[in-house]
C-alpha cells in the first residue's frame, strides 16, 4: 500500500484504523500529512472507500467513545456535511494533530 504524495508533502502520522460506512467496517490506515488527511484501504476490493480530505474541507473534529473500556475514535465532519468515523487507539494524538492543521 502506497500513497502518492504531492511535492513538499510529508507524512506526519499514520496508524491502523477502520472507516465506518453505514453498517460496514473497512480496514485501512489513516495518514495525516502536512497538506491533507488520507484513508487508504488494505484490501484492493475496497479501494472505492479510499479517501482524501483537504484540511480546508474539514469543519470539525469530534472525539467519541462508546462504553467505559471500549472503542474510542474521531468523527471528521466535512464542510459538505459528511461525517466520517474512524475508531483509533491514539485518537487524542491524531485529533490534536489534525486540529492544528485546519
PDB file of N, CA and C in Angstrom:
ATOM      1  N   UNK A   1       0.842  -1.166   0.000  1.00  0.00           N
ATOM      2  CA  UNK A   1       0.000   0.000   0.000  1.00  0.00           C
ATOM      3  C   UNK A   1       0.895   1.240   0.000  1.00  0.00           C
ATOM      4  N   UNK A   2       0.717   2.088  -1.003  1.00  0.00           N
ATOM      5  CA  UNK A   2       1.474   3.327  -1.069  1.00  0.00           C
ATOM      6  C   UNK A   2       0.527   4.471  -1.381  1.00  0.00           C
ATOM      7  N   UNK A   3       0.901   5.640  -0.928  1.00  0.00           N
ATOM      8  CA  UNK A   3       0.139   6.854  -1.199  1.00  0.00           C
ATOM      9  C   UNK A   3       1.054   7.781  -1.974  1.00  0.00           C
ATOM     10  N   UNK A   4       0.573   8.282  -3.084  1.00  0.00           N
ATOM     11  CA  UNK A   4       1.367   9.206  -3.883  1.00  0.00           C
ATOM     12  C   UNK A   4       1.280  10.589  -3.243  1.00  0.00           C
ATOM     13  N   UNK A   5       2.410  11.099  -2.815  1.00  0.00           N
ATOM     14  CA  UNK A   5       2.456  12.392  -2.151  1.00  0.00           C
ATOM     15  C   UNK A   5       2.743  13.501  -3.154  1.00  0.00           C
ATOM     16  N   UNK A   6       2.212  14.677  -2.868  1.00  0.00           N
ATOM     17  CA  UNK A   6       2.477  15.858  -3.679  1.00  0.00           C
ATOM     18  C   UNK A   6       3.880  16.375  -3.371  1.00  0.00           C
ATOM     19  N   UNK A   7       4.415  17.271  -4.224  1.00  0.00           N
ATOM     20  CA  UNK A   7       5.703  17.892  -3.894  1.00  0.00           C
ATOM     21  C   UNK A   7       5.601  18.612  -2.545  1.00  0.00           C
ATOM     22  N   UNK A   8       6.630  18.518  -1.750  1.00  0.00           N
ATOM     23  CA  UNK A   8       6.717  19.134  -0.421  1.00  0.00           C
ATOM     24  C   UNK A   8       5.718  18.576   0.586  1.00  0.00           C
ATOM     25  N   UNK A   9       5.113  17.440   0.312  1.00  0.00           N
ATOM     26  CA  UNK A   9       4.175  16.826   1.249  1.00  0.00           C
ATOM     27  C   UNK A   9       4.932  15.805   2.106  1.00  0.00           C
ATOM     28  N   UNK A  10       4.685  15.844   3.419  1.00  0.00           N
ATOM     29  CA  UNK A  10       5.393  14.997   4.363  1.00  0.00           C
ATOM     30  C   UNK A  10       4.374  14.282   5.251  1.00  0.00           C
ATOM     31  N   UNK A  11       4.560  12.984   5.478  1.00  0.00           N
ATOM     32  CA  UNK A  11       3.699  12.232   6.382  1.00  0.00           C
ATOM     33  C   UNK A  11       4.064  12.600   7.815  1.00  0.00           C
ATOM     34  N   UNK A  12       3.075  13.065   8.586  1.00  0.00           N
ATOM     35  CA  UNK A  12       3.288  13.449   9.978  1.00  0.00           C
ATOM     36  C   UNK A  12       2.935  12.320  10.939  1.00  0.00           C
ATOM     37  N   UNK A  13       1.892  11.567  10.612  1.00  0.00           N
ATOM     38  CA  UNK A  13       1.451  10.482  11.493  1.00  0.00           C
ATOM     39  C   UNK A  13       0.620   9.514  10.664  1.00  0.00           C
ATOM     40  N   UNK A  14       0.758   8.229  10.970  1.00  0.00           N
ATOM     41  CA  UNK A  14      -0.031   7.194  10.305  1.00  0.00           C
ATOM     42  C   UNK A  14      -0.359   6.116  11.317  1.00  0.00           C
ATOM     43  N   UNK A  15      -1.529   5.521  11.172  1.00  0.00           N
ATOM     44  CA  UNK A  15      -1.914   4.458  12.090  1.00  0.00           C
ATOM     45  C   UNK A  15      -3.021   3.600  11.523  1.00  0.00           C
ATOM     46  N   UNK A  16      -3.115   2.378  12.020  1.00  0.00           N
ATOM     47  CA  UNK A  16      -4.160   1.451  11.600  1.00  0.00           C
ATOM     48  C   UNK A  16      -5.495   1.892  12.175  1.00  0.00           C
ATOM     49  N   UNK A  17      -6.533   1.812  11.364  1.00  0.00           N
ATOM     50  CA  UNK A  17      -7.876   2.159  11.801  1.00  0.00           C
ATOM     51  C   UNK A  17      -8.867   1.483  10.875  1.00  0.00           C
ATOM     52  N   UNK A  18     -10.116   1.751  11.112  1.00  0.00           N
ATOM     53  CA  UNK A  18     -11.200   1.316  10.247  1.00  0.00           C
ATOM     54  C   UNK A  18     -11.995   2.550   9.876  1.00  0.00           C
ATOM     55  N   UNK A  19     -12.618   2.505   8.730  1.00  0.00           N
ATOM     56  CA  UNK A  19     -13.582   3.536   8.369  1.00  0.00           C
ATOM     57  C   UNK A  19     -14.952   2.901   8.505  1.00  0.00           C
ATOM     58  N   UNK A  20     -15.830   3.534   9.232  1.00  0.00           N
ATOM     59  CA  UNK A  20     -17.167   3.007   9.422  1.00  0.00           C
ATOM     60  C   UNK A  20     -18.081   3.663   8.389  1.00  0.00           C
ATOM     61  N   UNK A  21     -18.635   2.852   7.486  1.00  0.00           N
ATOM     62  CA  UNK A  21     -19.529   3.327   6.441  1.00  0.00           C
ATOM     63  C   UNK A  21     -20.843   2.589   6.596  1.00  0.00           C
ATOM     64  N   UNK A  22     -21.848   3.274   7.143  1.00  0.00           N
ATOM     65  CA  UNK A  22     -23.119   2.616   7.415  1.00  0.00           C
ATOM     66  C   UNK A  22     -22.915   1.495   8.401  1.00  0.00           C
ATOM     67  N   UNK A  23     -23.234   0.270   7.989  1.00  0.00           N
ATOM     68  CA  UNK A  23     -23.027  -0.881   8.869  1.00  0.00           C
ATOM     69  C   UNK A  23     -21.762  -1.665   8.511  1.00  0.00           C
ATOM     70  N   UNK A  24     -20.953  -1.139   7.560  1.00  0.00           N
ATOM     71  CA  UNK A  24     -19.705  -1.791   7.151  1.00  0.00           C
ATOM     72  C   UNK A  24     -18.515  -1.184   7.885  1.00  0.00           C
ATOM     73  N   UNK A  25     -17.519  -2.015   8.124  1.00  0.00           N
ATOM     74  CA  UNK A  25     -16.256  -1.560   8.685  1.00  0.00           C
ATOM     75  C   UNK A  25     -15.164  -1.906   7.685  1.00  0.00           C
ATOM     76  N   UNK A  26     -14.462  -0.896   7.194  1.00  0.00           N
ATOM     77  CA  UNK A  26     -13.429  -1.061   6.176  1.00  0.00           C
ATOM     78  C   UNK A  26     -12.065  -0.888   6.844  1.00  0.00           C
ATOM     79  N   UNK A  27     -11.213  -1.924   6.763  1.00  0.00           N
ATOM     80  CA  UNK A  27      -9.879  -1.858   7.360  1.00  0.00           C
ATOM     81  C   UNK A  27      -8.953  -1.014   6.506  1.00  0.00           C
ATOM     82  N   UNK A  28      -8.092  -0.225   7.181  1.00  0.00           N
ATOM     83  CA  UNK A  28      -7.148   0.585   6.443  1.00  0.00           C
ATOM     84  C   UNK A  28      -6.206   1.338   7.348  1.00  0.00           C
ATOM     85  N   UNK A  29      -5.592   2.375   6.789  1.00  0.00           N
ATOM     86  CA  UNK A  29      -4.673   3.247   7.519  1.00  0.00           C
ATOM     87  C   UNK A  29      -5.146   4.679   7.391  1.00  0.00           C
ATOM     88  N   UNK A  30      -5.044   5.408   8.489  1.00  0.00           N
ATOM     89  CA  UNK A  30      -5.295   6.844   8.484  1.00  0.00           C
ATOM     90  C   UNK A  30      -3.937   7.520   8.438  1.00  0.00           C
ATOM     91  N   UNK A  31      -3.744   8.375   7.453  1.00  0.00           N
ATOM     92  CA  UNK A  31      -2.456   9.031   7.235  1.00  0.00           C
ATOM     93  C   UNK A  31      -2.676  10.531   7.266  1.00  0.00           C
ATOM     94  N   UNK A  32      -1.937  11.216   8.146  1.00  0.00           N
ATOM     95  CA  UNK A  32      -2.010  12.668   8.241  1.00  0.00           C
ATOM     96  C   UNK A  32      -0.714  13.218   7.666  1.00  0.00           C
ATOM     97  N   UNK A  33      -0.845  14.080   6.650  1.00  0.00           N
ATOM     98  CA  UNK A  33       0.326  14.746   6.080  1.00  0.00           C
ATOM     99  C   UNK A  33       0.230  16.232   6.419  1.00  0.00           C
ATOM    100  N   UNK A  34       1.203  16.981   5.968  1.00  0.00           N
ATOM    101  CA  UNK A  34       1.158  18.416   6.201  1.00  0.00           C
ATOM    102  C   UNK A  34       0.186  19.128   5.252  1.00  0.00           C
ATOM    103  N   UNK A  35      -0.442  18.399   4.322  1.00  0.00           N
ATOM    104  CA  UNK A  35      -1.362  19.010   3.375  1.00  0.00           C
ATOM    105  C   UNK A  35      -2.772  18.438   3.418  1.00  0.00           C
ATOM    106  N   UNK A  36      -2.931  17.206   3.903  1.00  0.00           N
ATOM    107  CA  UNK A  36      -4.250  16.569   3.870  1.00  0.00           C
ATOM    108  C   UNK A  36      -4.323  15.346   4.772  1.00  0.00           C
ATOM    109  N   UNK A  37      -5.512  14.763   4.794  1.00  0.00           N
ATOM    110  CA  UNK A  37      -5.812  13.577   5.571  1.00  0.00           C
ATOM    111  C   UNK A  37      -6.205  12.483   4.581  1.00  0.00           C
ATOM    112  N   UNK A  38      -5.588  11.305   4.703  1.00  0.00           N
ATOM    113  CA  UNK A  38      -5.874  10.183   3.817  1.00  0.00           C
ATOM    114  C   UNK A  38      -6.432   9.019   4.621  1.00  0.00           C
ATOM    115  N   UNK A  39      -7.345   8.273   4.013  1.00  0.00           N
ATOM    116  CA  UNK A  39      -7.679   6.935   4.491  1.00  0.00           C
ATOM    117  C   UNK A  39      -7.425   6.016   3.316  1.00  0.00           C
ATOM    118  N   UNK A  40      -6.544   5.049   3.515  1.00  0.00           N
ATOM    119  CA  UNK A  40      -6.174   4.101   2.453  1.00  0.00           C
ATOM    120  C   UNK A  40      -6.556   2.705   2.919  1.00  0.00           C
ATOM    121  N   UNK A  41      -7.363   2.003   2.109  1.00  0.00           N
ATOM    122  CA  UNK A  41      -7.813   0.653   2.475  1.00  0.00           C
ATOM    123  C   UNK A  41      -6.687  -0.361   2.302  1.00  0.00           C
ATOM    124  N   UNK A  42      -6.785  -1.439   3.052  1.00  0.00           N
ATOM    125  CA  UNK A  42      -5.794  -2.512   2.970  1.00  0.00           C
ATOM    126  C   UNK A  42      -6.127  -3.460   1.822  1.00  0.00           C
ATOM    127  N   UNK A  43      -7.408  -3.777   1.663  1.00  0.00           N
ATOM    128  CA  UNK A  43      -7.834  -4.726   0.637  1.00  0.00           C
ATOM    129  C   UNK A  43      -8.134  -4.001  -0.672  1.00  0.00           C
ATOM    130  N   UNK A  44      -7.650  -4.580  -1.773  1.00  0.00           N
ATOM    131  CA  UNK A  44      -7.844  -3.964  -3.084  1.00  0.00           C
ATOM    132  C   UNK A  44      -9.307  -3.879  -3.482  1.00  0.00           C
ATOM    133  N   UNK A  45     -10.134  -4.858  -3.078  1.00  0.00           N
ATOM    134  CA  UNK A  45     -11.545  -4.841  -3.465  1.00  0.00           C
ATOM    135  C   UNK A  45     -12.333  -3.733  -2.770  1.00  0.00           C
ATOM    136  N   UNK A  46     -11.729  -3.079  -1.788  1.00  0.00           N
ATOM    137  CA  UNK A  46     -12.392  -1.983  -1.058  1.00  0.00           C
ATOM    138  C   UNK A  46     -11.846  -0.615  -1.444  1.00  0.00           C
ATOM    139  N   UNK A  47     -11.088  -0.539  -2.535  1.00  0.00           N
ATOM    140  CA  UNK A  47     -10.440   0.714  -2.920  1.00  0.00           C
ATOM    141  C   UNK A  47     -11.411   1.870  -3.147  1.00  0.00           C
ATOM    142  N   UNK A  48     -12.679   1.587  -3.403  1.00  0.00           N
ATOM    143  CA  UNK A  48     -13.643   2.667  -3.600  1.00  0.00           C
ATOM    144  C   UNK A  48     -13.860   3.471  -2.318  1.00  0.00           C
ATOM    145  N   UNK A  49     -13.405   2.922  -1.173  1.00  0.00           N
ATOM    146  CA  UNK A  49     -13.527   3.618   0.100  1.00  0.00           C
ATOM    147  C   UNK A  49     -12.282   4.433   0.447  1.00  0.00           C
ATOM    148  N   UNK A  50     -11.265   4.437  -0.439  1.00  0.00           N
ATOM    149  CA  UNK A  50     -10.105   5.305  -0.216  1.00  0.00           C
ATOM    150  C   UNK A  50     -10.607   6.742  -0.144  1.00  0.00           C
ATOM    151  N   UNK A  51      -9.979   7.532   0.706  1.00  0.00           N
ATOM    152  CA  UNK A  51     -10.499   8.854   0.999  1.00  0.00           C
ATOM    153  C   UNK A  51      -9.364   9.847   1.123  1.00  0.00           C
ATOM    154  N   UNK A  52      -9.588  11.045   0.640  1.00  0.00           N
ATOM    155  CA  UNK A  52      -8.635  12.137   0.764  1.00  0.00           C
ATOM    156  C   UNK A  52      -9.423  13.374   1.170  1.00  0.00           C
ATOM    157  N   UNK A  53      -9.025  13.988   2.281  1.00  0.00           N
ATOM    158  CA  UNK A  53      -9.719  15.188   2.758  1.00  0.00           C
ATOM    159  C   UNK A  53      -8.686  16.287   2.924  1.00  0.00           C
ATOM    160  N   UNK A  54      -8.870  17.383   2.203  1.00  0.00           N
ATOM    161  CA  UNK A  54      -8.003  18.548   2.376  1.00  0.00           C
ATOM    162  C   UNK A  54      -8.385  19.239   3.678  1.00  0.00           C
ATOM    163  N   UNK A  55      -7.411  19.840   4.355  1.00  0.00           N
ATOM    164  CA  UNK A  55      -7.694  20.455   5.651  1.00  0.00           C
ATOM    165  C   UNK A  55      -8.713  21.588   5.554  1.00  0.00           C
ATOM    166  N   UNK A  56      -8.735  22.311   4.436  1.00  0.00           N
ATOM    167  CA  UNK A  56      -9.711  23.403   4.309  1.00  0.00           C
ATOM    168  C   UNK A  56     -11.143  22.888   4.167  1.00  0.00           C
ATOM    169  N   UNK A  57     -11.320  21.584   3.902  1.00  0.00           N
ATOM    170  CA  UNK A  57     -12.655  20.990   3.814  1.00  0.00           C
ATOM    171  C   UNK A  57     -13.135  20.400   5.134  1.00  0.00           C
ATOM    172  N   UNK A  58     -12.304  20.455   6.177  1.00  0.00           N
ATOM    173  CA  UNK A  58     -12.707  19.936   7.488  1.00  0.00           C
ATOM    174  C   UNK A  58     -13.394  21.037   8.268  1.00  0.00           C
ATOM    175  N   UNK A  59     -14.597  20.751   8.731  1.00  0.00           N
ATOM    176  CA  UNK A  59     -15.354  21.704   9.534  1.00  0.00           C
ATOM    177  C   UNK A  59     -15.085  21.491  11.021  1.00  0.00           C
ATOM    178  N   UNK A  60     -15.028  20.213  11.446  1.00  0.00           N
ATOM    179  CA  UNK A  60     -14.909  19.925  12.868  1.00  0.00           C
ATOM    180  C   UNK A  60     -14.375  18.511  13.075  1.00  0.00           C
ATOM    181  N   UNK A  61     -13.662  18.329  14.188  1.00  0.00           N
ATOM    182  CA  UNK A  61     -13.212  17.010  14.640  1.00  0.00           C
ATOM    183  C   UNK A  61     -13.928  16.731  15.950  1.00  0.00           C
ATOM    184  N   UNK A  62     -14.638  15.610  16.025  1.00  0.00           N
ATOM    185  CA  UNK A  62     -15.396  15.254  17.222  1.00  0.00           C
ATOM    186  C   UNK A  62     -14.816  13.967  17.802  1.00  0.00           C
ATOM    187  N   UNK A  63     -14.422  14.019  19.060  1.00  0.00           N
ATOM    188  CA  UNK A  63     -13.928  12.837  19.767  1.00  0.00           C
ATOM    189  C   UNK A  63     -15.129  12.046  20.263  1.00  0.00           C
ATOM    190  N   UNK A  64     -15.038  10.713  20.202  1.00  0.00           N
ATOM    191  CA  UNK A  64     -16.116   9.898  20.755  1.00  0.00           C
ATOM    192  C   UNK A  64     -15.547   8.681  21.448  1.00  0.00           C
ATOM    193  N   UNK A  65     -16.346   8.136  22.346  1.00  0.00           N
ATOM    194  CA  UNK A  65     -16.030   6.846  22.964  1.00  0.00           C
ATOM    195  C   UNK A  65     -17.335   6.144  23.242  1.00  0.00           C
ATOM    196  N   UNK A  66     -17.321   4.853  23.046  1.00  0.00           N
ATOM    197  CA  UNK A  66     -18.509   4.033  23.271  1.00  0.00           C
ATOM    198  C   UNK A  66     -18.206   3.073  24.407  1.00  0.00           C
ATOM    199  N   UNK A  67     -18.889   3.255  25.519  1.00  0.00           N
ATOM    200  CA  UNK A  67     -18.657   2.395  26.674  1.00  0.00           C
ATOM    201  C   UNK A  67     -17.457   2.845  27.476  1.00  0.00           C
ATOM    202  N   UNK A  68     -17.330   2.322  28.670  1.00  0.00           N
ATOM    203  CA  UNK A  68     -16.262   2.730  29.570  1.00  0.00           C
ATOM    204  C   UNK A  68     -14.885   2.275  29.093  1.00  0.00           C
ATOM    205  N   UNK A  69     -14.769   1.022  28.640  1.00  0.00           N
ATOM    206  CA  UNK A  69     -13.458   0.499  28.238  1.00  0.00           C
ATOM    207  C   UNK A  69     -13.425   0.089  26.772  1.00  0.00           C
ATOM    208  N   UNK A  70     -14.329   0.606  25.975  1.00  0.00           N
ATOM    209  CA  UNK A  70     -14.399   0.116  24.593  1.00  0.00           C
ATOM    210  C   UNK A  70     -13.877   1.136  23.593  1.00  0.00           C
ATOM    211  N   UNK A  71     -14.496   1.217  22.480  1.00  0.00           N
ATOM    212  CA  UNK A  71     -13.992   1.916  21.301  1.00  0.00           C
ATOM    213  C   UNK A  71     -13.916   3.434  21.504  1.00  0.00           C
ATOM    214  N   UNK A  72     -12.760   3.997  21.138  1.00  0.00           N
ATOM    215  CA  UNK A  72     -12.567   5.438  21.093  1.00  0.00           C
ATOM    216  C   UNK A  72     -12.223   5.786  19.657  1.00  0.00           C
ATOM    217  N   UNK A  73     -12.567   7.009  19.247  1.00  0.00           N
ATOM    218  CA  UNK A  73     -12.252   7.384  17.883  1.00  0.00           C
ATOM    219  C   UNK A  73     -12.538   8.836  17.586  1.00  0.00           C
ATOM    220  N   UNK A  74     -12.478   9.152  16.295  1.00  0.00           N
ATOM    221  CA  UNK A  74     -12.718  10.502  15.799  1.00  0.00           C
ATOM    222  C   UNK A  74     -13.799  10.479  14.741  1.00  0.00           C
ATOM    223  N   UNK A  75     -14.656  11.479  14.773  1.00  0.00           N
ATOM    224  CA  UNK A  75     -15.567  11.754  13.675  1.00  0.00           C
ATOM    225  C   UNK A  75     -15.055  13.001  12.988  1.00  0.00           C
ATOM    226  N   UNK A  76     -14.820  12.924  11.691  1.00  0.00           N
ATOM    227  CA  UNK A  76     -14.384  14.070  10.908  1.00  0.00           C
ATOM    228  C   UNK A  76     -15.616  14.599  10.176  1.00  0.00           C
ATOM    229  N   UNK A  77     -15.991  15.836  10.474  1.00  0.00           N
ATOM    230  CA  UNK A  77     -17.140  16.465   9.838  1.00  0.00           C
ATOM    231  C   UNK A  77     -16.603  17.393   8.752  1.00  0.00           C
ATOM    232  N   UNK A  78     -17.047  17.182   7.517  1.00  0.00           N
ATOM    233  CA  UNK A  78     -16.572  17.987   6.391  1.00  0.00           C
ATOM    234  C   UNK A  78     -17.532  19.134   6.111  1.00  0.00           C
ATOM    235  N   UNK A  79     -17.066  20.105   5.367  1.00  0.00           N
ATOM    236  CA  UNK A  79     -17.872  21.284   5.049  1.00  0.00           C
ATOM    237  C   UNK A  79     -19.082  20.957   4.177  1.00  0.00           C
ATOM    238  N   UNK A  80     -19.050  19.827   3.468  1.00  0.00           N
ATOM    239  CA  UNK A  80     -20.201  19.432   2.654  1.00  0.00           C
ATOM    240  C   UNK A  80     -21.208  18.597   3.448  1.00  0.00           C
ATOM    241  N   UNK A  81     -21.005  18.468   4.776  1.00  0.00           N
ATOM    242  CA  UNK A  81     -21.988  17.821   5.638  1.00  0.00           C
ATOM    243  C   UNK A  81     -21.757  16.351   5.919  1.00  0.00           C
ATOM    244  N   UNK A  82     -20.717  15.761   5.362  1.00  0.00           N
ATOM    245  CA  UNK A  82     -20.437  14.342   5.630  1.00  0.00           C
ATOM    246  C   UNK A  82     -19.761  14.190   6.987  1.00  0.00           C
ATOM    247  N   UNK A  83     -20.045  13.079   7.656  1.00  0.00           N
ATOM    248  CA  UNK A  83     -19.360  12.715   8.890  1.00  0.00           C
ATOM    249  C   UNK A  83     -18.713  11.359   8.665  1.00  0.00           C
ATOM    250  N   UNK A  84     -17.396  11.315   8.832  1.00  0.00           N
ATOM    251  CA  UNK A  84     -16.641  10.095   8.601  1.00  0.00           C
ATOM    252  C   UNK A  84     -16.073   9.653   9.941  1.00  0.00           C
ATOM    253  N   UNK A  85     -16.333   8.400  10.299  1.00  0.00           N
ATOM    254  CA  UNK A  85     -15.962   7.881  11.608  1.00  0.00           C
ATOM    255  C   UNK A  85     -14.730   6.989  11.507  1.00  0.00           C
ATOM    256  N   UNK A  86     -13.745   7.248  12.393  1.00  0.00           N
ATOM    257  CA  UNK A  86     -12.517   6.466  12.446  1.00  0.00           C
ATOM    258  C   UNK A  86     -12.257   6.018  13.882  1.00  0.00           C
ATOM    259  N   UNK A  87     -12.453   4.725  14.208  1.00  0.00           N
ATOM    260  CA  UNK A  87     -12.047   4.233  15.523  1.00  0.00           C
ATOM    261  C   UNK A  87     -10.517   4.213  15.596  1.00  0.00           C
ATOM    262  N   UNK A  88      -9.946   4.840  16.624  1.00  0.00           N
ATOM    263  CA  UNK A  88      -8.490   4.942  16.747  1.00  0.00           C
ATOM    264  C   UNK A  88      -8.050   4.699  18.177  1.00  0.00           C
ATOM    265  N   UNK A  89      -6.983   3.938  18.358  1.00  0.00           N
ATOM    266  CA  UNK A  89      -6.418   3.748  19.696  1.00  0.00           C
ATOM    267  C   UNK A  89      -5.778   5.037  20.187  1.00  0.00           C
ATOM    268  N   UNK A  90      -5.105   5.756  19.303  1.00  0.00           N
ATOM    269  CA  UNK A  90      -4.418   7.001  19.675  1.00  0.00           C
ATOM    270  C   UNK A  90      -5.208   8.203  19.170  1.00  0.00           C
ATOM    271  N   UNK A  91      -6.504   8.218  19.446  1.00  0.00           N
ATOM    272  CA  UNK A  91      -7.360   9.265  18.903  1.00  0.00           C
ATOM    273  C   UNK A  91      -6.981  10.655  19.389  1.00  0.00           C
ATOM    274  N   UNK A  92      -6.488  10.776  20.631  1.00  0.00           N
ATOM    275  CA  UNK A  92      -6.119  12.094  21.152  1.00  0.00           C
ATOM    276  C   UNK A  92      -4.946  12.686  20.378  1.00  0.00           C
ATOM    277  N   UNK A  93      -3.941  11.865  20.089  1.00  0.00           N
ATOM    278  CA  UNK A  93      -2.779  12.323  19.328  1.00  0.00           C
ATOM    279  C   UNK A  93      -3.179  12.742  17.914  1.00  0.00           C
ATOM    280  N   UNK A  94      -3.985  11.901  17.241  1.00  0.00           N
ATOM    281  CA  UNK A  94      -4.436  12.220  15.891  1.00  0.00           C
ATOM    282  C   UNK A  94      -5.314  13.471  15.911  1.00  0.00           C
ATOM    283  N   UNK A  95      -6.236  13.542  16.859  1.00  0.00           N
ATOM    284  CA  UNK A  95      -7.155  14.678  16.939  1.00  0.00           C
ATOM    285  C   UNK A  95      -6.436  15.992  17.155  1.00  0.00           C
ATOM    286  N   UNK A  96      -5.454  16.016  18.051  1.00  0.00           N
ATOM    287  CA  UNK A  96      -4.704  17.242  18.301  1.00  0.00           C
ATOM    288  C   UNK A  96      -3.909  17.653  17.071  1.00  0.00           C
ATOM    289  N   UNK A  97      -3.297  16.696  16.396  1.00  0.00           N
ATOM    290  CA  UNK A  97      -2.532  16.994  15.191  1.00  0.00           C
ATOM    291  C   UNK A  97      -3.423  17.562  14.091  1.00  0.00           C
ATOM    292  N   UNK A  98      -4.569  16.926  13.859  1.00  0.00           N
ATOM    293  CA  UNK A  98      -5.477  17.396  12.816  1.00  0.00           C
ATOM    294  C   UNK A  98      -6.038  18.763  13.172  1.00  0.00           C
ATOM    295  N   UNK A  99      -6.374  18.999  14.437  1.00  0.00           N
ATOM    296  CA  UNK A  99      -6.896  20.298  14.866  1.00  0.00           C
ATOM    297  C   UNK A  99      -5.887  21.421  14.628  1.00  0.00           C
ATOM    298  N   UNK A 100      -4.598  21.130  14.736  1.00  0.00           N
ATOM    299  CA  UNK A 100      -3.564  22.151  14.477  1.00  0.00           C
ATOM    300  C   UNK A 100      -3.485  22.494  12.991  1.00  0.00           C
ATOM    301  N   UNK A 101      -3.891  21.552  12.147  1.00  0.00           N
ATOM    302  CA  UNK A 101      -3.670  21.720  10.712  1.00  0.00           C
ATOM    303  C   UNK A 101      -4.773  22.500   9.987  1.00  0.00           C
ATOM    304  N   UNK A 102      -6.000  22.473  10.495  1.00  0.00           N
ATOM    305  CA  UNK A 102      -7.059  23.159   9.733  1.00  0.00           C
ATOM    306  C   UNK A 102      -7.499  24.451  10.350  1.00  0.00           C
TER     307      UNK A 102
END
